[in-house]
């Protein structure tokens, strides 16, 4: 069941309404009587690493991971007296 509340009320008592969402599931937020947002709880999902998420996206065709690029020794160049901004400009070319 969702509850409808004005934006000022939600702003004034946000922590209270976050707890309410945990208990009831959802709040519709209105601005001058018109619905503008929905505050809802997060579903419990198992934690996944970034690599796992990217691989799943690649497997479903949403992204192309391409070929891995070798890491450039940016830090070593910067330590050798070359400014970081110069190293970045060189990398962009």
C-alpha atoms as a PDB file:
ATOM      1  CA  UNK A   1       0.000   0.000   0.000  1.00  0.00           C
ATOM      2  CA  UNK A   2       1.414   3.399  -0.913  1.00  0.00           C
ATOM      3  CA  UNK A   3       0.826   6.628   0.937  1.00  0.00           C
ATOM      4  CA  UNK A   4       0.696  10.048  -0.755  1.00  0.00           C
ATOM      5  CA  UNK A   5       2.408  12.986   0.969  1.00  0.00           C
ATOM      6  CA  UNK A   6       3.360  16.528   0.077  1.00  0.00           C
ATOM      7  CA  UNK A   7       6.973  17.393  -0.579  1.00  0.00           C
ATOM      8  CA  UNK A   8       7.132  19.857   2.340  1.00  0.00           C
ATOM      9  CA  UNK A   9       5.904  17.253   4.806  1.00  0.00           C
ATOM     10  CA  UNK A  10       8.397  14.673   3.545  1.00  0.00           C
ATOM     11  CA  UNK A  11      11.232  17.218   3.665  1.00  0.00           C
ATOM     12  CA  UNK A  12      10.393  18.231   7.220  1.00  0.00           C
ATOM     13  CA  UNK A  13      10.277  14.640   8.512  1.00  0.00           C
ATOM     14  CA  UNK A  14      12.403  12.719   6.002  1.00  0.00           C
ATOM     15  CA  UNK A  15      13.943  10.258   8.488  1.00  0.00           C
ATOM     16  CA  UNK A  16      10.483   9.362   9.758  1.00  0.00           C
ATOM     17  CA  UNK A  17       9.260   8.633   6.240  1.00  0.00           C
ATOM     18  CA  UNK A  18      12.311   6.543   5.407  1.00  0.00           C
ATOM     19  CA  UNK A  19      11.382   4.345   8.360  1.00  0.00           C
ATOM     20  CA  UNK A  20       7.783   4.295   7.124  1.00  0.00           C
ATOM     21  CA  UNK A  21       8.972   3.121   3.706  1.00  0.00           C
ATOM     22  CA  UNK A  22      10.870   0.295   5.393  1.00  0.00           C
ATOM     23  CA  UNK A  23       7.656  -0.772   7.093  1.00  0.00           C
ATOM     24  CA  UNK A  24       5.067  -0.092   4.389  1.00  0.00           C
ATOM     25  CA  UNK A  25       7.057  -0.189   1.154  1.00  0.00           C
ATOM     26  CA  UNK A  26       6.347   3.038  -0.735  1.00  0.00           C
ATOM     27  CA  UNK A  27       5.440   6.735  -0.532  1.00  0.00           C
ATOM     28  CA  UNK A  28       4.265   8.899  -3.423  1.00  0.00           C
ATOM     29  CA  UNK A  29       5.536  12.474  -3.082  1.00  0.00           C
ATOM     30  CA  UNK A  30       3.467  15.315  -4.497  1.00  0.00           C
ATOM     31  CA  UNK A  31       4.253  18.931  -5.320  1.00  0.00           C
ATOM     32  CA  UNK A  32       1.160  21.139  -5.248  1.00  0.00           C
ATOM     33  CA  UNK A  33      -1.020  18.057  -5.429  1.00  0.00           C
ATOM     34  CA  UNK A  34       0.684  16.475  -8.455  1.00  0.00           C
ATOM     35  CA  UNK A  35       2.726  13.277  -8.050  1.00  0.00           C
ATOM     36  CA  UNK A  36       6.402  13.977  -8.769  1.00  0.00           C
ATOM     37  CA  UNK A  37       8.386  11.194  -7.110  1.00  0.00           C
ATOM     38  CA  UNK A  38       8.197   7.805  -5.471  1.00  0.00           C
ATOM     39  CA  UNK A  39      10.184   6.874  -2.371  1.00  0.00           C
ATOM     40  CA  UNK A  40      10.533   3.128  -2.130  1.00  0.00           C
ATOM     41  CA  UNK A  41      12.770   0.672  -0.357  1.00  0.00           C
ATOM     42  CA  UNK A  42      15.563  -1.269  -1.971  1.00  0.00           C
ATOM     43  CA  UNK A  43      15.146  -4.914  -2.677  1.00  0.00           C
ATOM     44  CA  UNK A  44      17.636  -7.144  -0.987  1.00  0.00           C
ATOM     45  CA  UNK A  45      20.076  -8.364  -3.616  1.00  0.00           C
ATOM     46  CA  UNK A  46      23.298 -10.224  -3.158  1.00  0.00           C
ATOM     47  CA  UNK A  47      26.370  -8.027  -3.417  1.00  0.00           C
ATOM     48  CA  UNK A  48      28.249  -8.349  -6.677  1.00  0.00           C
ATOM     49  CA  UNK A  49      31.561  -6.935  -7.729  1.00  0.00           C
ATOM     50  CA  UNK A  50      31.835  -4.391 -10.503  1.00  0.00           C
ATOM     51  CA  UNK A  51      33.535  -6.992 -12.672  1.00  0.00           C
ATOM     52  CA  UNK A  52      30.595  -9.382 -12.235  1.00  0.00           C
ATOM     53  CA  UNK A  53      28.070  -6.687 -13.163  1.00  0.00           C
ATOM     54  CA  UNK A  54      30.066  -5.625 -16.231  1.00  0.00           C
ATOM     55  CA  UNK A  55      30.496  -9.223 -17.341  1.00  0.00           C
ATOM     56  CA  UNK A  56      26.753  -9.850 -17.010  1.00  0.00           C
ATOM     57  CA  UNK A  57      26.052  -6.728 -19.077  1.00  0.00           C
ATOM     58  CA  UNK A  58      28.525  -7.909 -21.720  1.00  0.00           C
ATOM     59  CA  UNK A  59      26.976 -11.390 -21.762  1.00  0.00           C
ATOM     60  CA  UNK A  60      23.532  -9.923 -22.444  1.00  0.00           C
ATOM     61  CA  UNK A  61      24.880  -7.616 -25.157  1.00  0.00           C
ATOM     62  CA  UNK A  62      24.294  -4.341 -23.334  1.00  0.00           C
ATOM     63  CA  UNK A  63      27.959  -3.340 -23.473  1.00  0.00           C
ATOM     64  CA  UNK A  64      31.131  -4.343 -25.293  1.00  0.00           C
ATOM     65  CA  UNK A  65      34.065  -4.755 -22.963  1.00  0.00           C
ATOM     66  CA  UNK A  66      36.535  -4.467 -25.827  1.00  0.00           C
ATOM     67  CA  UNK A  67      40.125  -5.532 -25.428  1.00  0.00           C
ATOM     68  CA  UNK A  68      42.011  -4.695 -22.263  1.00  0.00           C
ATOM     69  CA  UNK A  69      44.514  -1.844 -22.510  1.00  0.00           C
ATOM     70  CA  UNK A  70      47.858  -2.199 -20.832  1.00  0.00           C
ATOM     71  CA  UNK A  71      48.254   0.145 -17.897  1.00  0.00           C
ATOM     72  CA  UNK A  72      50.552   3.070 -18.598  1.00  0.00           C
ATOM     73  CA  UNK A  73      53.108   4.022 -15.972  1.00  0.00           C
ATOM     74  CA  UNK A  74      51.487   7.388 -15.211  1.00  0.00           C
ATOM     75  CA  UNK A  75      52.723   7.552 -11.654  1.00  0.00           C
ATOM     76  CA  UNK A  76      56.316   6.822 -12.636  1.00  0.00           C
ATOM     77  CA  UNK A  77      56.250   9.596 -15.246  1.00  0.00           C
ATOM     78  CA  UNK A  78      54.847  12.028 -12.701  1.00  0.00           C
ATOM     79  CA  UNK A  79      57.507  11.069 -10.187  1.00  0.00           C
ATOM     80  CA  UNK A  80      60.175  11.632 -12.837  1.00  0.00           C
ATOM     81  CA  UNK A  81      59.382  15.351 -12.829  1.00  0.00           C
ATOM     82  CA  UNK A  82      56.686  15.413 -15.511  1.00  0.00           C
ATOM     83  CA  UNK A  83      53.471  17.124 -14.405  1.00  0.00           C
ATOM     84  CA  UNK A  84      50.370  14.976 -14.118  1.00  0.00           C
ATOM     85  CA  UNK A  85      48.442  17.313 -16.448  1.00  0.00           C
ATOM     86  CA  UNK A  86      51.109  16.819 -19.137  1.00  0.00           C
ATOM     87  CA  UNK A  87      50.935  13.036 -18.744  1.00  0.00           C
ATOM     88  CA  UNK A  88      47.132  13.154 -19.083  1.00  0.00           C
ATOM     89  CA  UNK A  89      47.381  15.337 -22.226  1.00  0.00           C
ATOM     90  CA  UNK A  90      49.805  12.818 -23.748  1.00  0.00           C
ATOM     91  CA  UNK A  91      47.466   9.926 -22.912  1.00  0.00           C
ATOM     92  CA  UNK A  92      44.546  11.661 -24.632  1.00  0.00           C
ATOM     93  CA  UNK A  93      46.419  11.932 -27.948  1.00  0.00           C
END
